[in-house]
């Protein structure tokens, strides 16, 4: 409803304007000093021991690392659980500030700053009746009666991607929409093997969602790949990103992150992955 012509409009008081200006200046000063002026939204997804939901809580390696990084930086980091595909789109649009468990790519370098922290390792899971003589993915390819299961959209940035493409061309590889579906195919023997990141197959085996008798083949083609988080260039000031990077690097160099892997992955699996990565 328009105001009466005889009643002057109320304008914000000088005190209100000063308070607003002070809030803006304070936020800018905090950002320039590497302190967060607001909580940062961190997108996480169902990625096995990396991050998962249990009894309404987000658990796993990434929440452990995030909690420590928050304590060391004083920057509130708010975990937001969402499907992986949605998380990637939201990050590229600037709708989330941080995305975790990422391989580095030139395309995503245009959107965010990459901060490495650890590794991932893909393994070949083979049903026991087909495992004889298989010590590499090349051995698997040479056995024409065997079919490989893979999850759509999962890439390793390694030799495996080319070998999987070869199997797809000759119709000896089969897509699943997610790892739960792929696990069901292995259990039913619809496929004889699958490629999975260790964070996924360790969690699925612990939860009884994979056959206990599967043979885990540490294939030489699958070298450990560096994992990191991306901080969005559009939504996070450079000084804040630098502060996060400094503190995360300190956590890595001191061995804190490796011990977090031990907590979630176990000593033997952590040693296997780190020794293979350090031998490259």
Protein backbone atom coordinates (compact mmCIF):
# COMPACT_ATOMS: atom_id res chain seq x y z
CA UNK A 1 0.00 0.00 0.00
CA UNK A 2 1.47 3.45 -0.94
CA UNK A 3 2.27 5.76 1.94
CA UNK A 4 0.08 8.80 2.67
CA UNK A 5 1.51 11.94 0.98
CA UNK A 6 1.44 13.84 4.30
CA UNK A 7 3.48 11.15 6.11
CA UNK A 8 7.20 11.31 5.37
CA UNK A 9 8.95 7.99 4.65
CA UNK A 10 11.07 6.65 7.44
CA UNK A 11 14.68 6.37 6.41
CA UNK A 12 17.22 4.10 8.03
CA UNK A 13 18.93 5.90 10.86
CA UNK A 14 22.56 6.88 10.71
CA UNK A 15 23.23 4.27 13.37
CA UNK A 16 21.76 1.52 11.13
CA UNK A 17 23.87 2.60 8.17
CA UNK A 18 27.00 2.68 10.33
CA UNK A 19 26.27 -0.80 11.70
CA UNK A 20 25.80 -2.20 8.19
CA UNK A 21 28.99 -0.57 6.94
CA UNK A 22 30.91 -1.84 9.95
CA UNK A 23 29.66 -5.39 9.34
CA UNK A 24 30.81 -5.24 5.73
CA UNK A 25 34.20 -3.84 6.66
CA UNK A 26 34.65 -6.38 9.41
CA UNK A 27 33.83 -9.24 7.05
CA UNK A 28 36.29 -7.94 4.47
CA UNK A 29 39.00 -7.51 7.10
CA UNK A 30 38.48 -11.04 8.40
CA UNK A 31 38.67 -12.46 4.89
CA UNK A 32 41.83 -10.49 4.13
CA UNK A 33 43.40 -11.88 7.32
CA UNK A 34 42.55 -15.44 6.30
CA UNK A 35 39.70 -15.75 8.79
CA UNK A 36 36.25 -16.84 7.66
CA UNK A 37 33.59 -14.16 7.79
CA UNK A 38 30.95 -16.89 7.46
CA UNK A 39 30.74 -20.69 7.69
CA UNK A 40 31.93 -22.49 4.56
CA UNK A 41 29.70 -25.13 2.99
CA UNK A 42 31.59 -28.40 2.41
CA UNK A 43 29.89 -30.87 0.06
CA UNK A 44 30.37 -34.54 0.94
CA UNK A 45 28.86 -37.66 -0.61
CA UNK A 46 28.44 -41.35 0.09
CA UNK A 47 32.02 -42.48 -0.63
CA UNK A 48 32.58 -45.49 1.58
CA UNK A 49 35.02 -44.92 4.42
CA UNK A 50 35.68 -41.43 3.05
CA UNK A 51 32.25 -40.20 4.10
CA UNK A 52 28.95 -41.89 4.88
CA UNK A 53 25.82 -41.37 6.94
CA UNK A 54 25.13 -43.44 10.04
CA UNK A 55 22.29 -42.84 12.50
CA UNK A 56 21.79 -39.33 11.15
CA UNK A 57 25.47 -38.41 11.49
CA UNK A 58 28.09 -37.88 8.77
CA UNK A 59 31.06 -40.11 9.55
CA UNK A 60 34.31 -41.20 7.93
CA UNK A 61 37.74 -39.86 7.02
CA UNK A 62 36.56 -36.54 5.57
CA UNK A 63 34.52 -35.46 8.63
CA UNK A 64 37.56 -36.29 10.79
CA UNK A 65 39.88 -34.17 8.63
CA UNK A 66 37.32 -31.37 8.34
CA UNK A 67 36.83 -31.18 12.11
CA UNK A 68 40.58 -30.85 12.70
CA UNK A 69 40.97 -28.29 9.91
CA UNK A 70 38.15 -26.24 11.45
CA UNK A 71 39.89 -26.32 14.84
CA UNK A 72 43.24 -25.27 13.35
CA UNK A 73 41.89 -22.43 11.22
CA UNK A 74 39.00 -21.16 13.36
CA UNK A 75 36.96 -21.31 10.15
CA UNK A 76 33.52 -22.95 10.57
CA UNK A 77 33.18 -25.80 8.03
CA UNK A 78 29.62 -27.05 7.59
CA UNK A 79 29.25 -30.49 6.01
CA UNK A 80 26.40 -30.81 3.50
CA UNK A 81 25.59 -34.37 2.40
CA UNK A 82 24.43 -34.72 -1.21
CA UNK A 83 24.76 -37.09 -4.19
CA UNK A 84 28.15 -36.86 -5.89
CA UNK A 85 26.84 -35.68 -9.25
CA UNK A 86 24.81 -32.92 -7.58
CA UNK A 87 27.80 -31.90 -5.45
CA UNK A 88 29.99 -31.46 -8.53
CA UNK A 89 27.39 -29.32 -10.28
CA UNK A 90 26.80 -27.23 -7.16
CA UNK A 91 30.53 -26.61 -6.77
CA UNK A 92 30.97 -25.58 -10.40
CA UNK A 93 28.07 -23.13 -9.99
CA UNK A 94 29.59 -21.62 -6.84
CA UNK A 95 26.76 -22.92 -4.65
CA UNK A 96 29.13 -24.78 -2.29
CA UNK A 97 32.51 -23.56 -1.10
CA UNK A 98 34.49 -26.79 -0.77
CA UNK A 99 34.28 -30.22 -2.36
CA UNK A 100 36.28 -33.16 -1.06
CA UNK A 101 37.70 -36.53 -2.19
CA UNK A 102 38.75 -35.15 -5.56
CA UNK A 103 41.33 -36.09 -8.17
CA UNK A 104 42.96 -33.02 -9.67
CA UNK A 105 41.86 -32.05 -13.19
CA UNK A 106 42.67 -29.02 -15.39
CA UNK A 107 38.94 -28.35 -15.84
CA UNK A 108 38.23 -28.10 -12.12
CA UNK A 109 41.40 -26.06 -11.58
CA UNK A 110 39.52 -23.29 -13.40
CA UNK A 111 36.87 -23.31 -10.67
CA UNK A 112 38.79 -24.03 -7.50
CA UNK A 113 42.15 -24.19 -5.74
CA UNK A 114 43.35 -27.74 -5.17
CA UNK A 115 44.61 -28.69 -1.70
CA UNK A 116 45.99 -32.27 -1.57
CA UNK A 117 45.78 -34.37 1.58
CA UNK A 118 45.94 -38.11 0.81
CA UNK A 119 45.43 -40.97 -1.64
CA UNK A 120 42.95 -43.37 -3.14
CA UNK A 121 43.68 -46.82 -4.55
CA UNK A 122 41.58 -48.83 -7.01
CA UNK A 123 41.61 -52.61 -6.70
CA UNK A 124 40.29 -55.48 -8.78
CA UNK A 125 37.74 -57.61 -6.90
CA UNK A 126 37.38 -61.08 -8.41
CA UNK A 127 35.05 -63.94 -7.55
CA UNK A 128 37.18 -66.86 -6.27
CA UNK A 129 36.25 -69.30 -9.04
CA UNK A 130 37.68 -66.87 -11.65
CA UNK A 131 40.72 -65.58 -9.74
CA UNK A 132 43.29 -68.22 -10.72
CA UNK A 133 46.09 -66.70 -12.80
CA UNK A 134 44.91 -63.09 -12.38
CA UNK A 135 47.47 -60.71 -10.91
CA UNK A 136 46.79 -57.70 -13.15
CA UNK A 137 44.03 -56.18 -15.21
CA UNK A 138 45.93 -57.31 -18.31
CA UNK A 139 45.59 -60.92 -17.09
CA UNK A 140 41.84 -60.36 -16.74
CA UNK A 141 41.58 -58.99 -20.28
CA UNK A 142 43.26 -62.13 -21.65
CA UNK A 143 40.45 -64.33 -20.30
CA UNK A 144 37.55 -63.76 -22.75
CA UNK A 145 34.92 -65.53 -20.63
CA UNK A 146 35.16 -62.93 -17.84
CA UNK A 147 33.14 -59.69 -17.52
CA UNK A 148 34.16 -56.61 -15.53
CA UNK A 149 31.72 -54.44 -13.59
CA UNK A 150 32.29 -50.70 -13.22
CA UNK A 151 30.32 -47.71 -11.94
CA UNK A 152 29.36 -45.13 -14.53
CA UNK A 153 31.24 -41.85 -14.26
CA UNK A 154 34.09 -43.21 -12.12
CA UNK A 155 37.52 -42.57 -13.63
CA UNK A 156 40.98 -43.15 -12.24
CA UNK A 157 43.18 -40.84 -14.36
CA UNK A 158 45.44 -43.85 -14.93
CA UNK A 159 46.09 -46.71 -17.39
CA UNK A 160 42.98 -48.43 -16.09
CA UNK A 161 40.69 -46.00 -17.91
CA UNK A 162 42.07 -47.06 -21.30
CA UNK A 163 41.84 -50.76 -20.43
CA UNK A 164 38.24 -50.34 -19.28
CA UNK A 165 37.40 -48.56 -22.55
CA UNK A 166 38.87 -51.54 -24.40
CA UNK A 167 36.64 -53.93 -22.45
CA UNK A 168 33.58 -51.75 -23.09
CA UNK A 169 34.22 -51.83 -26.85
CA UNK A 170 34.31 -55.63 -26.91
CA UNK A 171 31.31 -55.86 -24.54
CA UNK A 172 33.23 -57.37 -21.66
CA UNK A 173 32.59 -54.51 -19.26
CA UNK A 174 29.21 -53.59 -17.81
CA UNK A 175 28.09 -50.36 -16.14
CA UNK A 176 26.23 -50.02 -12.85
CA UNK A 177 24.67 -46.78 -11.65
CA UNK A 178 26.25 -47.04 -8.18
CA UNK A 179 28.44 -49.29 -6.03
CA UNK A 180 25.48 -50.91 -4.27
CA UNK A 181 24.20 -52.11 -7.65
CA UNK A 182 27.66 -53.32 -8.64
CA UNK A 183 27.98 -55.20 -5.34
CA UNK A 184 24.66 -56.95 -6.04
CA UNK A 185 25.91 -58.03 -9.48
CA UNK A 186 29.08 -59.48 -7.96
CA UNK A 187 27.08 -61.31 -5.31
CA UNK A 188 24.80 -62.79 -8.00
CA UNK A 189 27.86 -63.58 -10.21
CA UNK A 190 26.40 -61.51 -13.05
CA UNK A 191 29.92 -60.12 -13.39
CA UNK A 192 33.08 -61.93 -12.35
CA UNK A 193 35.10 -58.91 -11.25
CA UNK A 194 34.82 -55.22 -10.45
CA UNK A 195 37.09 -52.21 -10.15
CA UNK A 196 36.49 -50.27 -6.92
CA UNK A 197 38.31 -47.64 -4.84
CA UNK A 198 39.57 -49.11 -1.58
CA UNK A 199 37.45 -46.70 0.49
CA UNK A 200 34.36 -48.23 -1.12
CA UNK A 201 35.14 -51.93 -1.08
CA UNK A 202 36.49 -51.84 2.49
CA UNK A 203 33.24 -50.27 3.73
CA UNK A 204 31.02 -52.59 1.67
CA UNK A 205 32.87 -55.66 2.92
CA UNK A 206 32.64 -54.49 6.54
CA UNK A 207 28.91 -53.96 6.11
CA UNK A 208 28.41 -57.40 4.57
CA UNK A 209 27.34 -56.00 1.19
CA UNK A 210 30.11 -57.81 -0.72
CA UNK A 211 30.80 -61.55 -0.71
CA UNK A 212 33.35 -62.41 1.98
CA UNK A 213 35.24 -64.78 -0.35
CA UNK A 214 36.11 -62.18 -3.00
CA UNK A 215 39.78 -62.07 -3.97
CA UNK A 216 41.26 -58.54 -3.78
CA UNK A 217 43.91 -58.16 -6.50
CA UNK A 218 46.38 -55.28 -6.08
CA UNK A 219 46.75 -54.74 -9.82
CA UNK A 220 49.96 -52.92 -10.90
CA UNK A 221 48.03 -50.76 -13.38
CA UNK A 222 46.18 -49.09 -10.49
CA UNK A 223 48.78 -46.90 -8.84
CA UNK A 224 47.56 -44.80 -5.89
CA UNK A 225 46.10 -41.48 -7.00
CA UNK A 226 46.43 -38.26 -5.02
CA UNK A 227 43.23 -37.00 -3.41
CA UNK A 228 42.51 -33.48 -2.30
CA UNK A 229 39.82 -30.92 -1.75
CA UNK A 230 38.92 -27.98 -3.98
CA UNK A 231 38.14 -24.55 -2.54
CA UNK A 232 35.88 -22.45 -4.75
CA UNK A 233 37.58 -19.39 -6.25
CA UNK A 234 34.27 -17.58 -6.71
CA UNK A 235 32.94 -17.84 -3.19
CA UNK A 236 36.00 -18.07 -0.92
CA UNK A 237 38.51 -15.17 -0.55
CA UNK A 238 42.07 -16.01 -1.55
CA UNK A 239 43.41 -15.30 1.94
CA UNK A 240 40.96 -17.80 3.47
CA UNK A 241 41.95 -20.42 0.89
CA UNK A 242 45.63 -19.80 1.69
CA UNK A 243 44.98 -20.26 5.41
CA UNK A 244 43.13 -23.52 4.79
CA UNK A 245 45.96 -24.70 2.55
CA UNK A 246 48.66 -23.88 5.09
CA UNK A 247 46.91 -25.68 7.93
CA UNK A 248 46.01 -28.70 5.81
CA UNK A 249 49.60 -28.99 4.55
CA UNK A 250 50.81 -28.95 8.15
CA UNK A 251 48.40 -31.76 9.00
CA UNK A 252 49.79 -33.79 6.09
CA UNK A 253 53.48 -33.15 6.80
CA UNK A 254 53.18 -33.92 10.52
CA UNK A 255 51.60 -37.31 9.78
CA UNK A 256 48.25 -36.31 11.28
CA UNK A 257 46.31 -37.14 8.09
CA UNK A 258 48.04 -40.50 7.74
CA UNK A 259 46.97 -41.40 11.28
CA UNK A 260 43.42 -40.40 10.36
CA UNK A 261 43.63 -42.92 7.50
CA UNK A 262 44.79 -45.56 9.99
CA UNK A 263 41.80 -44.79 12.20
CA UNK A 264 39.31 -45.36 9.39
CA UNK A 265 41.09 -47.68 6.92
CA UNK A 266 43.26 -49.70 9.32
CA UNK A 267 47.04 -49.90 9.63
CA UNK A 268 47.62 -52.56 6.94
CA UNK A 269 45.54 -50.84 4.24
CA UNK A 270 47.03 -47.42 5.00
CA UNK A 271 50.58 -48.83 4.82
CA UNK A 272 49.85 -50.60 1.51
CA UNK A 273 48.48 -47.44 -0.08
CA UNK A 274 51.11 -45.02 1.24
CA UNK A 275 54.06 -47.30 0.43
CA UNK A 276 52.82 -47.74 -3.14
CA UNK A 277 52.30 -43.97 -3.49
CA UNK A 278 55.72 -43.11 -2.08
CA UNK A 279 57.43 -45.66 -4.37
CA UNK A 280 56.28 -43.84 -7.52
